[in-house]
C-alpha cells in the first residue's frame, strides 16, 4: 500500500503540475476512490490518476471474497474441492460473462451486474491462481523426478511462452480468455520440474526483475507520458528501451524511498 500511495501521488503531480491536465485539487477530489482502492467497486468511474491503479483495486476487492470462501471451506476440509473444481468453473463463467457482454477483457471500469468488469476479471483470474497452487502441491507430493518428465515439461514451456508473446502482438477479444489458462499451465509446469528453461530463468537477474516489477508497474505512466514525446524520434524500439531503462532506475529509487519512509515510521512507532 505505501508503494501504491507513493505512485498515486507521483501520477497526480505529473498530470496536474508537470503536464497541466487538471488542477491538483480537482485530481484529489475525483481520484479519491482510486486512492482508497475502490475504483473497481464502480466508484469514481471515467477518471484515473494512475491508469494502472484499477488492477490493484480489482485484486484487492477480489481477494476479499476469495479469502472468505477459502477460510469457510478450510474449516470444513473442503478447500481442494474449491481450488480444483469450483475455481475453474467460476473462471469460465466470469470469462463467458465478460466476453458476451463486451467481447473482451479490457473494459475493466465498465459497470457489471456485480461491481465492475475489472472485479469479475480479477476474481476469475485469482481463482485460476488458486487452482494452479493446488495442482502444484498435489504434483509435488505424487510425482517423482525423472529426465523424461523434465524433458516433457521443457517442451511444454517452450511451446507456451511463444503463445503468450504472440498474444501481446496479435491479441483479439476472445483470445484473452486463453491467457490465464496458458499462464497457469506454464506455472504448474515450471514449479514441478527442473527443466532447462527453469534453470535458465531461475537466477539472480530474474529475482531482481521480479522484485522491482511492482514499482515498475505502478510508476510506468509518468515515465511514458513525460518521456515518449522526447524519445519518439529514435523509433519505437529504441524509445521503448530508453523509457524502460529510465523507468527501472526510477523504480529502484522510489522503492528505496518508500522502504526508508516505512522503516522511519516503524522506528517512531516503536
Protein backbone atom coordinates (compact mmCIF):
# COMPACT_ATOMS: atom_id res chain seq x y z
CA UNK A 1 0.00 0.00 0.00
CA UNK A 2 2.80 2.57 0.70
CA UNK A 3 4.20 1.94 -2.79
CA UNK A 4 0.71 2.34 -4.26
CA UNK A 5 0.13 5.68 -2.47
CA UNK A 6 3.58 6.94 -3.47
CA UNK A 7 2.92 6.13 -7.14
CA UNK A 8 -0.56 7.67 -6.94
CA UNK A 9 0.90 10.95 -5.65
CA UNK A 10 3.62 10.87 -8.32
CA UNK A 11 1.00 10.40 -11.04
CA UNK A 12 -1.06 13.23 -9.56
CA UNK A 13 1.93 15.60 -9.64
CA UNK A 14 2.89 14.54 -13.16
CA UNK A 15 -0.56 15.03 -14.65
CA UNK A 16 -1.54 18.16 -12.74
CA UNK A 17 1.71 20.10 -12.22
CA UNK A 18 4.06 18.87 -14.99
CA UNK A 19 1.56 18.21 -17.81
CA UNK A 20 -1.13 20.62 -16.61
CA UNK A 21 -4.06 18.33 -17.43
CA UNK A 22 -6.11 19.48 -14.42
CA UNK A 23 -5.90 21.27 -11.09
CA UNK A 24 -4.37 19.23 -8.21
CA UNK A 25 -7.43 19.82 -6.02
CA UNK A 26 -9.72 18.53 -8.77
CA UNK A 27 -7.50 15.48 -9.20
CA UNK A 28 -7.58 14.66 -5.48
CA UNK A 29 -11.36 15.03 -5.38
CA UNK A 30 -12.03 12.90 -8.46
CA UNK A 31 -9.31 10.35 -7.70
CA UNK A 32 -10.19 9.72 -4.04
CA UNK A 33 -11.92 6.37 -4.69
CA UNK A 34 -8.94 5.23 -6.73
CA UNK A 35 -6.62 6.14 -3.85
CA UNK A 36 -8.59 4.01 -1.38
CA UNK A 37 -8.70 1.04 -3.82
CA UNK A 38 -12.45 1.21 -4.53
CA UNK A 39 -12.30 2.11 -8.21
CA UNK A 40 -13.36 -1.38 -9.30
CA UNK A 41 -16.30 -1.17 -6.93
CA UNK A 42 -17.77 1.19 -9.52
CA UNK A 43 -16.84 4.41 -7.70
CA UNK A 44 -15.06 7.26 -9.47
CA UNK A 45 -15.55 5.85 -12.98
CA UNK A 46 -14.43 7.84 -16.00
CA UNK A 47 -11.38 9.38 -14.29
CA UNK A 48 -7.97 7.98 -13.37
CA UNK A 49 -4.93 9.44 -11.63
CA UNK A 50 -2.87 6.30 -12.26
CA UNK A 51 -4.17 4.38 -15.27
CA UNK A 52 -2.93 1.05 -13.90
CA UNK A 53 -4.45 1.56 -10.45
CA UNK A 54 -7.69 -0.18 -11.44
CA UNK A 55 -5.93 -3.55 -11.42
CA UNK A 56 -4.61 -3.13 -7.87
CA UNK A 57 -8.16 -2.21 -6.84
CA UNK A 58 -9.56 -5.25 -8.66
CA UNK A 59 -7.08 -7.61 -6.99
CA UNK A 60 -7.73 -6.12 -3.57
CA UNK A 61 -11.54 -6.37 -3.86
CA UNK A 62 -11.49 -9.82 -5.45
CA UNK A 63 -9.18 -11.20 -2.75
CA UNK A 64 -11.76 -10.45 -0.06
CA UNK A 65 -14.49 -12.90 -1.16
CA UNK A 66 -11.86 -15.49 -2.18
CA UNK A 67 -10.25 -15.28 1.26
CA UNK A 68 -13.66 -15.62 2.94
CA UNK A 69 -14.58 -18.62 0.77
CA UNK A 70 -11.28 -20.40 1.43
CA UNK A 71 -11.48 -19.77 5.20
CA UNK A 72 -15.02 -21.16 5.33
CA UNK A 73 -14.08 -24.21 3.28
CA UNK A 74 -10.87 -24.82 5.21
CA UNK A 75 -12.85 -25.15 8.44
CA UNK A 76 -14.87 -27.94 6.79
CA UNK A 77 -11.92 -29.55 5.00
CA UNK A 78 -13.26 -28.73 1.51
CA UNK A 79 -10.55 -26.31 0.30
CA UNK A 80 -9.33 -28.58 -2.51
CA UNK A 81 -12.87 -29.01 -3.81
CA UNK A 82 -12.99 -25.28 -4.45
CA UNK A 83 -9.48 -24.83 -5.81
CA UNK A 84 -9.51 -27.90 -8.05
CA UNK A 85 -13.11 -27.93 -9.26
CA UNK A 86 -15.12 -24.82 -8.40
CA UNK A 87 -12.49 -22.17 -9.22
CA UNK A 88 -12.03 -23.25 -12.88
CA UNK A 89 -15.81 -23.27 -13.34
CA UNK A 90 -16.03 -19.78 -11.80
CA UNK A 91 -13.25 -18.57 -14.11
CA UNK A 92 -15.09 -19.96 -17.12
CA UNK A 93 -18.33 -18.25 -16.07
CA UNK A 94 -16.53 -14.93 -15.49
CA UNK A 95 -14.80 -15.18 -18.87
CA UNK A 96 -18.02 -16.04 -20.71
CA UNK A 97 -19.86 -13.18 -18.99
CA UNK A 98 -17.19 -10.64 -19.96
CA UNK A 99 -16.75 -11.90 -23.49
CA UNK A 100 -20.50 -11.99 -24.13
CA UNK A 101 -21.01 -8.58 -22.55
CA UNK A 102 -18.09 -6.69 -24.11
CA UNK A 103 -16.26 -9.15 -26.36
CA UNK A 104 -13.01 -8.59 -24.45
CA UNK A 105 -11.38 -8.49 -21.00
CA UNK A 106 -10.27 -4.90 -21.49
CA UNK A 107 -13.38 -2.99 -20.35
CA UNK A 108 -12.34 -3.13 -16.71
CA UNK A 109 -14.06 0.02 -15.42
CA UNK A 110 -17.45 -0.66 -17.04
CA UNK A 111 -20.31 -1.43 -14.61
CA UNK A 112 -21.44 -5.04 -14.42
CA UNK A 113 -24.11 -6.94 -12.51
CA UNK A 114 -21.76 -7.06 -9.51
CA UNK A 115 -19.24 -4.22 -9.14
CA UNK A 116 -17.31 -3.81 -12.43
CA UNK A 117 -15.85 -5.95 -15.20
CA UNK A 118 -12.41 -5.42 -13.63
CA UNK A 119 -13.57 -7.09 -10.42
CA UNK A 120 -15.04 -10.04 -12.34
CA UNK A 121 -11.83 -10.45 -14.33
CA UNK A 122 -9.65 -10.42 -11.20
CA UNK A 123 -11.98 -12.78 -9.33
CA UNK A 124 -11.81 -15.34 -12.13
CA UNK A 125 -8.05 -14.97 -12.67
CA UNK A 126 -7.24 -15.32 -8.96
CA UNK A 127 -9.36 -18.47 -8.84
CA UNK A 128 -7.19 -19.95 -11.58
CA UNK A 129 -4.18 -18.99 -9.48
CA UNK A 130 -5.65 -20.92 -6.53
CA UNK A 131 -6.16 -23.90 -8.83
CA UNK A 132 -2.56 -23.72 -10.07
CA UNK A 133 -1.27 -23.66 -6.47
CA UNK A 134 -3.39 -26.69 -5.53
CA UNK A 135 -2.25 -28.65 -8.59
CA UNK A 136 1.40 -27.78 -7.91
CA UNK A 137 1.08 -29.06 -4.34
CA UNK A 138 -0.54 -32.30 -5.49
CA UNK A 139 2.05 -32.91 -8.21
CA UNK A 140 4.97 -32.20 -5.90
CA UNK A 141 3.58 -34.76 -3.48
CA UNK A 142 3.00 -37.51 -6.05
CA UNK A 143 5.42 -37.18 -8.96
CA UNK A 144 8.97 -38.44 -8.73
CA UNK A 145 11.72 -36.53 -10.56
CA UNK A 146 12.77 -38.06 -13.87
CA UNK A 147 14.59 -36.96 -17.01
CA UNK A 148 11.56 -37.77 -19.15
CA UNK A 149 9.28 -35.59 -17.02
CA UNK A 150 11.74 -32.72 -17.15
CA UNK A 151 12.08 -33.09 -20.92
CA UNK A 152 8.31 -33.07 -21.48
CA UNK A 153 7.91 -30.05 -19.21
CA UNK A 154 10.64 -28.22 -21.14
CA UNK A 155 8.86 -28.94 -24.42
CA UNK A 156 5.58 -27.69 -22.97
CA UNK A 157 7.16 -24.49 -21.67
CA UNK A 158 8.93 -23.94 -24.97
CA UNK A 159 5.55 -24.01 -26.68
CA UNK A 160 3.78 -21.94 -24.02
CA UNK A 161 5.98 -18.85 -23.90
CA UNK A 162 5.66 -18.05 -27.62
CA UNK A 163 1.88 -18.29 -27.26
CA UNK A 164 1.88 -15.59 -24.60
CA UNK A 165 4.32 -13.40 -26.55
CA UNK A 166 2.25 -13.83 -29.71
CA UNK A 167 -0.85 -12.76 -27.80
CA UNK A 168 0.86 -9.50 -26.87
CA UNK A 169 1.16 -8.57 -30.55
CA UNK A 170 -1.76 -10.37 -32.20
CA UNK A 171 -4.40 -10.37 -29.47
CA UNK A 172 -8.13 -10.31 -30.05
CA UNK A 173 -11.01 -10.14 -27.62
CA UNK A 174 -11.67 -13.86 -27.43
CA UNK A 175 -8.01 -14.83 -27.22
CA UNK A 176 -7.87 -13.02 -23.87
CA UNK A 177 -9.62 -15.96 -22.25
CA UNK A 178 -6.75 -18.30 -23.14
CA UNK A 179 -4.06 -16.22 -21.42
CA UNK A 180 -4.78 -17.09 -17.74
CA UNK A 181 -5.20 -20.75 -18.61
CA UNK A 182 -1.90 -20.84 -20.55
CA UNK A 183 -0.14 -18.93 -17.77
CA UNK A 184 -1.48 -21.32 -15.13
CA UNK A 185 -0.26 -24.33 -17.14
CA UNK A 186 3.18 -22.76 -17.51
CA UNK A 187 3.28 -22.01 -13.79
CA UNK A 188 2.43 -25.60 -12.95
CA UNK A 189 4.98 -26.92 -15.42
CA UNK A 190 7.80 -24.72 -14.14
CA UNK A 191 7.01 -25.45 -10.49
CA UNK A 192 7.14 -29.23 -10.57
CA UNK A 193 10.24 -29.89 -12.62
CA UNK A 194 13.86 -28.95 -13.11
CA UNK A 195 13.57 -28.15 -16.79
CA UNK A 196 16.21 -26.37 -18.85
CA UNK A 197 14.06 -23.25 -19.11
CA UNK A 198 13.61 -23.13 -15.35
CA UNK A 199 17.36 -23.41 -14.85
CA UNK A 200 17.85 -20.55 -17.30
CA UNK A 201 15.37 -18.10 -15.74
CA UNK A 202 15.85 -19.07 -12.09
CA UNK A 203 18.78 -16.75 -11.46
CA UNK A 204 19.63 -13.59 -9.57
CA UNK A 205 18.68 -11.35 -12.50
CA UNK A 206 15.18 -12.83 -12.53
CA UNK A 207 14.92 -12.31 -8.77
CA UNK A 208 15.83 -8.63 -9.11
CA UNK A 209 13.46 -8.09 -12.02
CA UNK A 210 10.68 -9.86 -10.14
CA UNK A 211 11.21 -7.75 -7.03
CA UNK A 212 11.03 -4.46 -8.94
CA UNK A 213 8.13 -5.49 -11.20
CA UNK A 214 5.59 -3.96 -8.80
CA UNK A 215 7.17 -0.46 -8.59
CA UNK A 216 7.79 -0.56 -12.37
CA UNK A 217 4.12 -1.43 -12.90
CA UNK A 218 2.92 1.37 -10.62
CA UNK A 219 5.24 4.09 -11.95
CA UNK A 220 5.13 3.34 -15.67
CA UNK A 221 2.57 6.00 -16.67
CA UNK A 222 4.56 9.12 -15.58
CA UNK A 223 7.61 7.80 -17.44
CA UNK A 224 5.61 7.05 -20.58
CA UNK A 225 3.75 10.37 -20.56
CA UNK A 226 6.82 12.53 -19.95
CA UNK A 227 9.48 10.66 -21.94
CA UNK A 228 7.60 9.49 -25.05
CA UNK A 229 7.48 12.96 -26.72
CA UNK A 230 11.21 13.38 -26.07
CA UNK A 231 12.31 9.94 -27.35
CA UNK A 232 9.85 9.09 -30.14
CA UNK A 233 12.28 10.47 -32.76
CA UNK A 234 14.56 7.48 -32.07
CA UNK A 235 11.93 4.98 -33.25
CA UNK A 236 9.57 2.75 -31.31
CA UNK A 237 12.05 0.05 -30.26
CA UNK A 238 14.86 2.36 -29.07
CA UNK A 239 12.38 4.77 -27.50
CA UNK A 240 10.77 1.93 -25.52
CA UNK A 241 14.20 0.71 -24.36
CA UNK A 242 15.24 4.19 -23.19
CA UNK A 243 11.96 4.71 -21.35
CA UNK A 244 12.20 1.32 -19.64
CA UNK A 245 15.81 1.88 -18.53
CA UNK A 246 14.94 5.27 -17.03
CA UNK A 247 11.76 3.83 -15.50
CA UNK A 248 13.67 0.93 -13.96
CA UNK A 249 16.25 3.23 -12.36
CA UNK A 250 13.49 5.49 -11.06
CA UNK A 251 11.59 2.48 -9.69
CA UNK A 252 14.67 1.42 -7.73
CA UNK A 253 14.86 4.93 -6.28
CA UNK A 254 11.14 5.06 -5.47
CA UNK A 255 11.23 1.62 -3.83
CA UNK A 256 14.22 2.68 -1.74
CA UNK A 257 12.40 5.88 -0.69
CA UNK A 258 9.20 4.01 0.21
CA UNK A 259 11.07 1.41 2.25
CA UNK A 260 13.04 4.16 4.01
CA UNK A 261 9.86 6.01 4.95
CA UNK A 262 8.28 2.78 6.22
CA UNK A 263 11.32 1.98 8.37
CA UNK A 264 11.30 5.53 9.73
CA UNK A 265 7.60 5.24 10.60
CA UNK A 266 8.19 1.88 12.32
CA UNK A 267 11.08 3.32 14.31
CA UNK A 268 8.95 6.24 15.50
CA UNK A 269 6.06 3.92 16.36
CA UNK A 270 8.31 1.67 18.45
